[in-house]
Amino acid sequence: MTAEDEWLRVESLDLDAQGVAHDAQGKVVFIEGALPGECVQVHVTRRKAQWEQAVVTAVRDESAQRVRPACAHFGLHAGACGGCKMQHLHPSAQVAVKQRVLEDQLWHLGRVRPGRVLRPIEGPAWGYRYRARLSVRHVPKKGGVLVGFHERKSSYVADMTQCPVLPPAVGALLVPLRALVASMDARDRLPQIELAVGEAPGGTVVALVLRHLEPLSASDLARLRDFARAHGVQWWLQPKGPDSVRRLDEGGAELAYTLPEFGLVMPFRPTDFTQVNHAINRVLVHRAVRLLDAQPDERVIDWFCGLGNFTLPLARRAGEVLGVEGSETLVQRARDNAVRNGLAERTRFEARNLFELDADALLALGRAERWLVDPPREGAFALAKALVDLQQRAPAGWAPPRRIVYVSCNPATLARDAGLLVHQGGWRCSAAGAVNMFPHTAHVESVAVFDRG
């Protein structure tokens, strides 16, 4: 049992950005708020036979990478915002931690070592979050309505008045939104507001999606319209699932993001999946296209293509690109984006259940010299297995892709799929690197390259 007056030497950070140490009895202690190299005292919050969980209470030999958090709502105290875990660590050190997490996961879970470590992709550490889901709660005991992220390790909503990871104009809306909801008849039936920021020639477009559990009164609709005029935002209403989302009022600039290097404008709805960090997404798309190195006479398949984030840039380089996605609705949105950007003749889109794909379904989609794979957190195990199975059958007229670029939002599932491709499929992981899509969080995105032979 770790004593509260015992000094522990922090050895490393785990996947949740907790310091890892051993107490005098050799038990592992996971410590929130501690950094590698520091000597700390802790308060234990959870005890198990093999490990303990704790929060730091005192620091000796402070790390040179420790910084003062920029957000007043960050911390280990009760009521602190749980949206960020790493604000006490310098942003460049955060990137180094994520790179190490990627390499460790590839080796320990997949027994794969990349031939080359790519330089991490990083960018602005503040004001980057162009998408967010804000919880809304009417809490009379706390003085009214709260709008923000959940408290650390809690389902309660943090009492927030600012958020420096949101664009400044959006962070400034938190207090006015609290006042707006407090004035509404339906204030007890409004669980969340989803935020989506787009790009426009004159600046940004801010869309707010209000989830409401009952029809809104005429006076509440009038309040929303007044707020939209006063703050220059769009209101979208969501009475049920994502497909029920509708604009409160038409007009104004469309919601879109841009990929200027490829001359692309990508319209989207506020509930569509788009990358949180537009600046990092531009760099990531550029790197993925360069790494794939598709030639004008080659065919490419973009698996989990979404709205065409990679499909359309690749179509500027390759002869033909097939985008495959699980939803017919998303496929149609991707087709519309291809038409909008003059790429309909160089792209084709198909709807397939990519979590149940087998070798026969893969064969029916035809061969391609290069693949781009960008799955959700669950990874692309069915796709990787179908590829390995089909390769072992070696049907006439079909050949496996010579190169695969895999964009991942979960290093554990990337490592699992990489192990299958390398050890059963005969690919080699020629390169891999971290992508700091979410600064100040423990979330690790990455990109890996697989080549035949």
Protein backbone atom coordinates (compact mmCIF):
# COMPACT_ATOMS: atom_id res chain seq x y z
CA MET A 1 0.00 0.00 0.00
CA THR A 2 1.44 3.35 -1.07
CA ALA A 3 1.86 5.76 1.83
CA GLU A 4 0.92 9.41 1.33
CA ASP A 5 4.32 10.56 2.63
CA GLU A 6 6.23 8.22 0.29
CA TRP A 7 8.14 9.75 -2.61
CA LEU A 8 7.71 7.90 -5.92
CA ARG A 9 9.95 8.27 -8.97
CA VAL A 10 7.85 8.54 -12.16
CA GLU A 11 9.24 6.29 -14.89
CA SER A 12 6.96 6.88 -17.90
CA LEU A 13 3.50 7.89 -19.12
CA ASP A 14 0.78 5.37 -19.97
CA LEU A 15 -1.79 5.55 -22.78
CA ASP A 16 -4.03 7.80 -20.66
CA ALA A 17 -1.22 10.27 -19.94
CA GLN A 18 -0.85 9.04 -16.34
CA GLY A 19 2.57 8.84 -14.76
CA VAL A 20 3.75 5.30 -14.04
CA ALA A 21 5.78 4.54 -10.89
CA HIS A 22 6.43 1.71 -8.44
CA ASP A 23 6.02 2.06 -4.70
CA ALA A 24 8.37 0.64 -2.06
CA GLN A 25 6.69 -2.78 -2.33
CA GLY A 26 7.08 -2.83 -6.11
CA LYS A 27 3.39 -2.25 -6.87
CA VAL A 28 2.60 -0.25 -10.01
CA VAL A 29 1.05 3.15 -9.33
CA PHE A 30 -0.69 5.14 -12.08
CA ILE A 31 -0.58 8.82 -11.18
CA GLU A 32 -2.69 11.58 -12.70
CA GLY A 33 -0.78 14.84 -13.08
CA ALA A 34 2.73 13.33 -12.81
CA LEU A 35 5.42 13.47 -15.52
CA PRO A 36 8.40 11.21 -16.25
CA GLY A 37 11.49 11.99 -14.17
CA GLU A 38 9.59 13.70 -11.39
CA CYS A 39 9.59 12.59 -7.76
CA VAL A 40 6.03 12.86 -6.39
CA GLN A 41 3.81 12.21 -3.43
CA VAL A 42 0.31 10.96 -4.16
CA HIS A 43 -3.16 10.36 -2.81
CA VAL A 44 -4.40 6.88 -3.77
CA THR A 45 -7.94 6.87 -5.20
CA ARG A 46 -8.22 3.20 -6.17
CA ARG A 47 -6.47 0.06 -4.93
CA LYS A 48 -6.16 -3.30 -6.68
CA ALA A 49 -4.02 -6.34 -5.94
CA GLN A 50 -1.48 -5.55 -8.68
CA TRP A 51 -1.79 -1.79 -9.07
CA GLU A 52 -3.07 1.44 -7.61
CA GLN A 53 -4.43 4.64 -9.10
CA ALA A 54 -3.58 8.00 -7.57
CA VAL A 55 -3.40 11.74 -8.06
CA VAL A 56 -0.29 13.79 -7.45
CA THR A 57 -0.24 15.92 -4.29
CA ALA A 58 3.36 17.17 -4.26
CA VAL A 59 6.15 17.36 -6.83
CA ARG A 60 9.91 17.29 -6.30
CA ASP A 61 12.46 17.42 -9.15
CA GLU A 62 9.90 19.00 -11.45
CA SER A 63 10.17 18.00 -15.11
CA ALA A 64 11.59 20.58 -17.51
CA GLN A 65 8.61 19.72 -19.76
CA ARG A 66 6.04 20.75 -17.15
CA VAL A 67 4.18 23.94 -18.15
CA ARG A 68 1.45 26.08 -16.66
CA PRO A 69 -1.93 24.99 -18.11
CA ALA A 70 -3.57 27.66 -20.22
CA CYS A 71 -7.11 26.78 -19.19
CA ALA A 72 -8.49 27.75 -15.80
CA HIS A 73 -10.77 24.69 -15.87
CA PHE A 74 -7.93 22.18 -16.22
CA GLY A 75 -6.81 20.30 -13.13
CA LEU A 76 -7.16 17.33 -10.83
CA HIS A 77 -9.65 18.92 -8.45
CA ALA A 78 -13.34 18.04 -8.24
CA GLY A 79 -15.27 19.79 -10.98
CA ALA A 80 -12.28 20.19 -13.31
CA CYS A 81 -13.02 19.79 -17.02
CA GLY A 82 -12.18 16.33 -18.36
CA GLY A 83 -11.72 17.43 -21.97
CA CYS A 84 -7.90 17.66 -21.80
CA LYS A 85 -5.45 15.49 -19.86
CA MET A 86 -2.04 16.80 -20.95
CA GLN A 87 -2.10 20.59 -20.61
CA HIS A 88 0.58 20.35 -17.92
CA LEU A 89 3.00 18.85 -20.48
CA HIS A 90 4.72 20.98 -23.14
CA PRO A 91 3.07 20.44 -26.57
CA SER A 92 6.29 19.20 -28.19
CA ALA A 93 6.69 16.65 -25.39
CA GLN A 94 3.08 15.54 -25.92
CA VAL A 95 3.96 14.71 -29.52
CA ALA A 96 7.00 12.71 -28.45
CA VAL A 97 4.85 10.73 -26.00
CA LYS A 98 2.33 9.91 -28.72
CA GLN A 99 5.07 8.81 -31.11
CA ARG A 100 6.39 6.44 -28.45
CA VAL A 101 2.87 5.12 -27.77
CA LEU A 102 2.49 4.33 -31.48
CA GLU A 103 5.81 2.49 -31.67
CA ASP A 104 5.14 0.59 -28.42
CA GLN A 105 1.69 -0.52 -29.58
CA LEU A 106 2.98 -1.66 -32.97
CA TRP A 107 5.63 -3.79 -31.29
CA HIS A 108 3.84 -5.14 -28.23
CA LEU A 109 0.49 -5.86 -29.92
CA GLY A 110 1.53 -6.55 -33.51
CA ARG A 111 5.22 -7.48 -33.27
CA VAL A 112 5.83 -4.92 -35.99
CA ARG A 113 8.62 -2.35 -36.20
CA PRO A 114 8.37 0.33 -38.90
CA GLY A 115 11.37 0.53 -41.21
CA ARG A 116 11.31 4.32 -40.89
CA VAL A 117 9.80 6.60 -38.26
CA LEU A 118 8.01 9.49 -39.94
CA ARG A 119 8.30 12.96 -38.54
CA PRO A 120 5.18 13.57 -36.40
CA ILE A 121 2.51 15.83 -37.83
CA GLU A 122 1.76 18.69 -35.45
CA GLY A 123 0.28 22.15 -35.63
CA PRO A 124 -1.47 24.82 -33.53
CA ALA A 125 -2.00 23.71 -29.95
CA TRP A 126 -4.86 26.13 -29.23
CA GLY A 127 -8.05 27.14 -31.02
CA TYR A 128 -7.86 24.03 -33.19
CA ARG A 129 -11.06 22.21 -32.30
CA TYR A 130 -13.54 22.81 -35.12
CA ARG A 131 -15.92 20.09 -33.92
CA ALA A 132 -17.20 19.46 -30.40
CA ARG A 133 -20.17 18.02 -28.58
CA LEU A 134 -21.16 20.21 -25.65
CA SER A 135 -23.38 18.81 -22.93
CA VAL A 136 -26.18 20.98 -21.58
CA ARG A 137 -27.65 20.68 -18.08
CA HIS A 138 -30.03 22.88 -16.12
CA VAL A 139 -28.66 22.64 -12.56
CA PRO A 140 -30.44 25.08 -10.23
CA LYS A 141 -28.09 24.14 -7.33
CA LYS A 142 -25.15 25.46 -9.39
CA GLY A 143 -26.89 28.66 -10.36
CA GLY A 144 -28.59 27.74 -13.60
CA VAL A 145 -27.54 26.21 -16.92
CA LEU A 146 -24.14 24.63 -17.63
CA VAL A 147 -22.79 24.22 -21.17
CA GLY A 148 -19.50 22.42 -21.77
CA PHE A 149 -17.59 19.17 -21.48
CA HIS A 150 -17.98 16.62 -18.71
CA GLU A 151 -16.04 16.91 -15.49
CA ARG A 152 -12.99 14.69 -15.11
CA LYS A 153 -14.12 11.07 -14.54
CA SER A 154 -17.72 12.16 -14.08
CA SER A 155 -21.03 12.40 -15.93
CA TYR A 156 -21.56 15.91 -14.51
CA VAL A 157 -21.05 18.92 -16.78
CA ALA A 158 -18.12 21.13 -15.88
CA ASP A 159 -18.89 24.71 -14.87
CA MET A 160 -17.02 26.29 -17.82
CA THR A 161 -16.83 29.89 -18.97
CA GLN A 162 -13.98 29.47 -21.47
CA CYS A 163 -12.25 26.78 -23.56
CA PRO A 164 -8.95 27.67 -25.27
CA VAL A 165 -8.95 24.60 -27.53
CA LEU A 166 -12.07 25.94 -29.26
CA PRO A 167 -11.66 28.75 -31.81
CA PRO A 168 -11.78 32.04 -29.84
CA ALA A 169 -15.07 33.18 -31.41
CA VAL A 170 -16.66 29.86 -30.43
CA GLY A 171 -15.21 29.76 -26.92
CA ALA A 172 -16.71 33.19 -26.37
CA LEU A 173 -20.19 31.70 -26.95
CA LEU A 174 -20.16 29.48 -23.85
CA VAL A 175 -21.50 32.11 -21.44
CA PRO A 176 -24.09 33.53 -23.90
CA LEU A 177 -25.28 29.97 -24.62
CA ARG A 178 -25.82 29.39 -20.91
CA ALA A 179 -27.96 32.50 -20.72
CA LEU A 180 -29.88 31.54 -23.88
CA VAL A 181 -30.76 28.04 -22.65
CA ALA A 182 -31.69 29.38 -19.21
CA SER A 183 -34.24 31.68 -20.89
CA MET A 184 -35.88 28.89 -22.92
CA ASP A 185 -39.10 27.08 -22.07
CA ALA A 186 -37.44 23.73 -22.94
CA ARG A 187 -34.29 24.28 -20.87
CA ASP A 188 -34.78 20.95 -19.04
CA ARG A 189 -35.15 19.02 -22.32
CA LEU A 190 -32.06 20.14 -24.23
CA PRO A 191 -29.27 17.56 -23.60
CA GLN A 192 -26.56 18.77 -25.96
CA ILE A 193 -25.33 21.29 -28.50
CA GLU A 194 -23.06 19.99 -31.24
CA LEU A 195 -20.59 22.44 -32.73
CA ALA A 196 -19.24 22.43 -36.27
CA VAL A 197 -17.07 25.18 -37.73
CA GLY A 198 -16.60 25.55 -41.48
CA GLU A 199 -14.48 27.74 -43.69
CA ALA A 200 -15.76 30.57 -45.89
CA PRO A 201 -14.07 33.27 -48.01
CA GLY A 202 -14.92 35.92 -45.41
CA GLY A 203 -13.91 33.90 -42.36
CA THR A 204 -15.59 31.00 -40.59
CA VAL A 205 -19.11 29.59 -40.44
CA VAL A 206 -20.30 28.42 -37.01
CA ALA A 207 -23.12 25.87 -36.93
CA LEU A 208 -24.78 24.86 -33.66
CA VAL A 209 -26.93 21.71 -33.61
CA LEU A 210 -29.47 21.79 -30.79
CA ARG A 211 -30.64 18.35 -29.66
CA HIS A 212 -34.17 18.75 -28.30
CA LEU A 213 -36.36 16.03 -26.80
CA GLU A 214 -39.69 17.73 -27.48
CA PRO A 215 -40.98 20.23 -30.09
CA LEU A 216 -39.78 23.77 -29.43
CA SER A 217 -42.27 26.51 -28.70
CA ALA A 218 -42.66 29.53 -30.96
CA SER A 219 -41.04 31.71 -28.30
CA ASP A 220 -38.02 29.35 -28.05
CA LEU A 221 -37.60 29.42 -31.83
CA ALA A 222 -37.69 33.22 -31.70
CA ARG A 223 -34.99 33.19 -29.00
CA LEU A 224 -32.78 30.98 -31.19
CA ARG A 225 -33.22 33.33 -34.15
CA ASP A 226 -32.36 36.35 -32.04
CA PHE A 227 -29.21 34.58 -30.78
CA ALA A 228 -28.21 33.64 -34.35
CA ARG A 229 -28.51 37.25 -35.51
CA ALA A 230 -26.66 38.62 -32.49
CA HIS A 231 -23.73 36.16 -32.69
CA GLY A 232 -23.55 35.35 -36.41
CA VAL A 233 -24.20 31.59 -36.10
CA GLN A 234 -26.44 29.03 -37.78
CA TRP A 235 -28.90 26.96 -35.76
CA TRP A 236 -29.70 23.41 -36.79
CA LEU A 237 -32.35 21.42 -34.94
CA GLN A 238 -32.11 17.69 -34.13
CA PRO A 239 -35.33 16.22 -32.69
CA LYS A 240 -34.24 12.57 -33.18
CA GLY A 241 -31.22 10.86 -34.78
CA PRO A 242 -28.53 12.50 -36.95
CA ASP A 243 -30.64 12.12 -40.10
CA SER A 244 -33.34 14.36 -38.56
CA VAL A 245 -31.06 17.43 -38.49
CA ARG A 246 -32.50 20.46 -40.31
CA ARG A 247 -31.56 24.14 -40.58
CA LEU A 248 -33.74 26.43 -38.52
CA ASP A 249 -33.54 29.07 -41.27
CA GLU A 250 -32.07 28.88 -44.74
CA GLY A 251 -29.57 31.35 -46.14
CA GLY A 252 -26.04 32.36 -45.32
CA ALA A 253 -22.76 30.70 -46.17
CA GLU A 254 -22.55 26.94 -46.59
CA LEU A 255 -20.64 24.77 -44.14
CA ALA A 256 -17.47 23.47 -45.83
CA TYR A 257 -13.78 22.83 -45.37
CA THR A 258 -11.07 23.31 -47.94
CA LEU A 259 -7.99 21.47 -49.20
CA PRO A 260 -6.31 24.36 -51.05
CA GLU A 261 -3.31 22.35 -52.28
CA PHE A 262 -5.71 20.19 -54.30
CA GLY A 263 -8.15 22.96 -55.20
CA LEU A 264 -11.00 21.29 -53.29
CA VAL A 265 -14.00 22.62 -51.40
CA MET A 266 -15.77 19.96 -49.31
CA PRO A 267 -19.30 20.87 -48.17
CA PHE A 268 -20.62 18.98 -45.15
CA ARG A 269 -23.52 18.87 -42.74
CA PRO A 270 -22.79 19.62 -39.09
CA THR A 271 -23.47 16.00 -38.08
CA ASP A 272 -21.20 14.53 -40.79
CA PHE A 273 -17.88 13.11 -39.69
CA THR A 274 -15.10 15.55 -40.52
CA GLN A 275 -11.74 15.95 -38.84
CA VAL A 276 -11.73 18.05 -35.69
CA ASN A 277 -8.53 19.84 -36.67
CA HIS A 278 -8.71 21.34 -40.17
CA ALA A 279 -5.10 22.55 -40.19
CA ILE A 280 -3.75 19.12 -39.29
CA ASN A 281 -6.12 17.45 -41.75
CA ARG A 282 -4.60 19.44 -44.62
CA VAL A 283 -1.11 18.27 -43.68
CA LEU A 284 -2.29 14.69 -43.15
CA VAL A 285 -4.00 14.55 -46.57
CA HIS A 286 -0.88 15.96 -48.25
CA ARG A 287 1.33 13.37 -46.53
CA ALA A 288 -0.98 10.44 -47.25
CA VAL A 289 -1.23 11.34 -50.95
CA ARG A 290 2.54 11.76 -51.18
CA LEU A 291 3.23 8.49 -49.37
CA LEU A 292 0.77 6.54 -51.51
CA ASP A 293 2.50 7.94 -54.60
CA ALA A 294 -0.30 6.96 -57.00
CA GLN A 295 0.55 7.27 -60.69
CA PRO A 296 -1.71 8.58 -63.49
CA ASP A 297 -2.19 5.08 -64.93
CA GLU A 298 -3.02 3.41 -61.61
CA ARG A 299 -6.25 2.54 -59.81
CA VAL A 300 -6.63 3.33 -56.10
CA ILE A 301 -9.21 2.15 -53.57
CA ASP A 302 -10.02 4.46 -50.66
CA TRP A 303 -11.57 2.33 -47.91
CA PHE A 304 -13.84 4.10 -45.37
CA CYS A 305 -13.89 7.07 -47.72
CA GLY A 306 -16.42 9.22 -45.84
CA LEU A 307 -17.15 12.45 -47.71
CA GLY A 308 -14.12 11.92 -49.96
CA ASN A 309 -11.47 13.50 -47.73
CA PHE A 310 -8.76 11.35 -49.36
CA THR A 311 -10.66 10.13 -52.44
CA LEU A 312 -10.84 13.50 -54.16
CA PRO A 313 -7.23 14.57 -53.53
CA LEU A 314 -6.09 11.15 -54.80
CA ALA A 315 -8.23 11.62 -57.91
CA ARG A 316 -6.05 14.63 -58.77
CA ARG A 317 -3.12 12.20 -59.08
CA ALA A 318 -4.37 8.70 -59.96
CA GLY A 319 -6.16 7.43 -63.04
CA GLU A 320 -9.22 6.21 -61.11
CA VAL A 321 -10.19 6.15 -57.44
CA LEU A 322 -12.88 3.93 -55.96
CA GLY A 323 -14.25 5.20 -52.63
CA VAL A 324 -15.92 2.59 -50.40
CA GLU A 325 -18.03 3.47 -47.37
CA GLY A 326 -20.58 1.67 -45.21
CA SER A 327 -23.44 4.13 -45.60
CA GLU A 328 -25.34 4.79 -48.82
CA THR A 329 -26.07 8.29 -47.52
CA LEU A 330 -22.37 9.03 -47.10
CA VAL A 331 -21.61 7.53 -50.49
CA GLN A 332 -24.09 9.90 -52.11
CA ARG A 333 -22.56 12.84 -50.24
CA ALA A 334 -19.12 11.81 -51.54
CA ARG A 335 -20.50 11.59 -55.10
CA ASP A 336 -21.96 15.08 -54.72
CA ASN A 337 -18.56 16.39 -53.56
CA ALA A 338 -16.88 14.74 -56.56
CA VAL A 339 -19.34 16.46 -58.91
CA ARG A 340 -18.89 19.77 -57.09
CA ASN A 341 -15.12 19.58 -57.62
CA GLY A 342 -15.19 18.33 -61.23
CA LEU A 343 -13.94 14.83 -60.38
CA ALA A 344 -17.01 12.69 -61.17
CA GLU A 345 -15.32 11.02 -64.17
CA ARG A 346 -12.24 9.98 -62.18
CA THR A 347 -14.06 8.63 -59.13
CA ARG A 348 -16.53 5.89 -58.33
CA PHE A 349 -18.22 5.15 -55.02
CA GLU A 350 -19.69 1.98 -53.54
CA ALA A 351 -21.56 1.24 -50.30
CA ARG A 352 -20.33 -1.89 -48.50
CA ASN A 353 -20.38 -3.19 -44.93
CA LEU A 354 -16.64 -2.97 -44.31
CA PHE A 355 -16.86 -4.82 -41.01
CA GLU A 356 -18.25 -7.94 -42.71
CA LEU A 357 -16.23 -7.83 -45.92
CA ASP A 358 -14.91 -11.20 -47.13
CA ALA A 359 -12.54 -12.31 -49.89
CA ASP A 360 -15.32 -12.76 -52.48
CA ALA A 361 -16.68 -9.25 -51.87
CA LEU A 362 -13.17 -7.88 -52.11
CA LEU A 363 -12.57 -9.68 -55.39
CA ALA A 364 -15.80 -8.26 -56.83
CA LEU A 365 -14.53 -4.71 -56.30
CA GLY A 366 -11.54 -5.38 -58.55
CA ARG A 367 -7.81 -5.02 -58.20
CA ALA A 368 -6.02 -1.79 -57.45
CA GLU A 369 -2.33 -0.97 -57.33
CA ARG A 370 -2.67 1.11 -54.17
CA TRP A 371 -4.98 1.35 -51.16
CA LEU A 372 -5.78 4.12 -48.71
CA VAL A 373 -7.40 2.81 -45.50
CA ASP A 374 -8.93 5.25 -42.98
CA PRO A 375 -11.13 3.28 -40.55
CA PRO A 376 -12.86 4.33 -37.32
CA ARG A 377 -11.48 3.28 -33.93
CA GLU A 378 -12.54 -0.34 -34.51
CA GLY A 379 -9.91 -0.63 -37.21
CA ALA A 380 -10.05 -2.60 -40.46
CA PHE A 381 -9.59 -6.21 -39.35
CA ALA A 382 -12.22 -7.70 -41.70
CA LEU A 383 -10.66 -5.86 -44.65
CA ALA A 384 -7.13 -6.96 -43.74
CA LYS A 385 -8.26 -10.57 -43.25
CA ALA A 386 -10.15 -10.58 -46.58
CA LEU A 387 -7.02 -9.27 -48.29
CA VAL A 388 -4.83 -11.96 -46.75
CA ASP A 389 -7.38 -14.69 -47.58
CA LEU A 390 -7.71 -13.52 -51.17
CA GLN A 391 -3.97 -13.27 -51.60
CA GLN A 392 -3.56 -16.86 -50.44
CA ARG A 393 -6.16 -18.00 -53.00
CA ALA A 394 -4.39 -15.99 -55.74
CA PRO A 395 -7.30 -15.95 -58.26
CA ALA A 396 -6.42 -15.38 -61.90
CA GLY A 397 -6.38 -11.73 -62.96
CA TRP A 398 -6.16 -10.36 -59.43
CA ALA A 399 -3.12 -9.07 -57.58
CA PRO A 400 -2.77 -7.48 -54.13
CA PRO A 401 -2.00 -3.76 -53.84
CA ARG A 402 1.67 -2.91 -53.96
CA ARG A 403 1.30 -0.24 -51.30
CA ILE A 404 -1.17 0.48 -48.51
CA VAL A 405 -1.32 3.74 -46.56
CA TYR A 406 -3.26 3.21 -43.33
CA VAL A 407 -4.53 6.29 -41.46
CA SER A 408 -5.46 5.31 -37.91
CA CYS A 409 -7.23 6.91 -34.95
CA ASN A 410 -6.43 3.99 -32.61
CA PRO A 411 -2.87 2.64 -32.34
CA ALA A 412 -4.10 -0.62 -30.76
CA THR A 413 -6.29 -1.62 -33.72
CA LEU A 414 -3.64 -0.39 -36.15
CA ALA A 415 -1.12 -2.68 -34.43
CA ARG A 416 -3.53 -5.62 -34.60
CA ASP A 417 -4.18 -5.09 -38.33
CA ALA A 418 -0.49 -4.44 -39.01
CA GLY A 419 0.40 -7.76 -37.38
CA LEU A 420 -2.00 -9.57 -39.72
CA LEU A 421 -0.71 -7.81 -42.83
CA VAL A 422 2.96 -8.35 -41.95
CA HIS A 423 2.99 -11.83 -40.48
CA GLN A 424 0.31 -13.48 -42.62
CA GLY A 425 0.11 -11.25 -45.68
CA GLY A 426 3.79 -10.70 -46.43
CA TRP A 427 3.73 -6.90 -46.33
CA ARG A 428 6.35 -4.93 -44.49
CA CYS A 429 5.68 -1.83 -42.46
CA SER A 430 8.04 0.53 -44.22
CA ALA A 431 7.12 3.68 -42.26
CA ALA A 432 4.89 4.99 -39.47
CA GLY A 433 4.45 8.24 -37.57
CA ALA A 434 2.16 9.99 -35.10
CA VAL A 435 -0.37 12.71 -35.94
CA ASN A 436 -1.23 15.16 -33.15
CA MET A 437 -4.82 15.74 -34.24
CA PHE A 438 -5.97 16.43 -30.65
CA PRO A 439 -3.34 18.46 -28.72
CA HIS A 440 -3.53 18.24 -24.91
CA THR A 441 -5.42 14.92 -25.04
CA ALA A 442 -4.10 11.37 -24.91
CA HIS A 443 -5.73 10.59 -28.27
CA VAL A 444 -3.17 9.22 -30.76
CA GLU A 445 -3.71 9.35 -34.51
CA SER A 446 -1.12 8.00 -36.91
CA VAL A 447 -0.26 7.03 -40.45
CA ALA A 448 1.55 3.83 -41.52
CA VAL A 449 2.84 2.57 -44.86
CA PHE A 450 2.85 -1.10 -45.92
CA ASP A 451 4.72 -2.36 -48.98
CA ARG A 452 4.86 -5.78 -50.58
CA GLY A 453 7.99 -7.84 -49.95
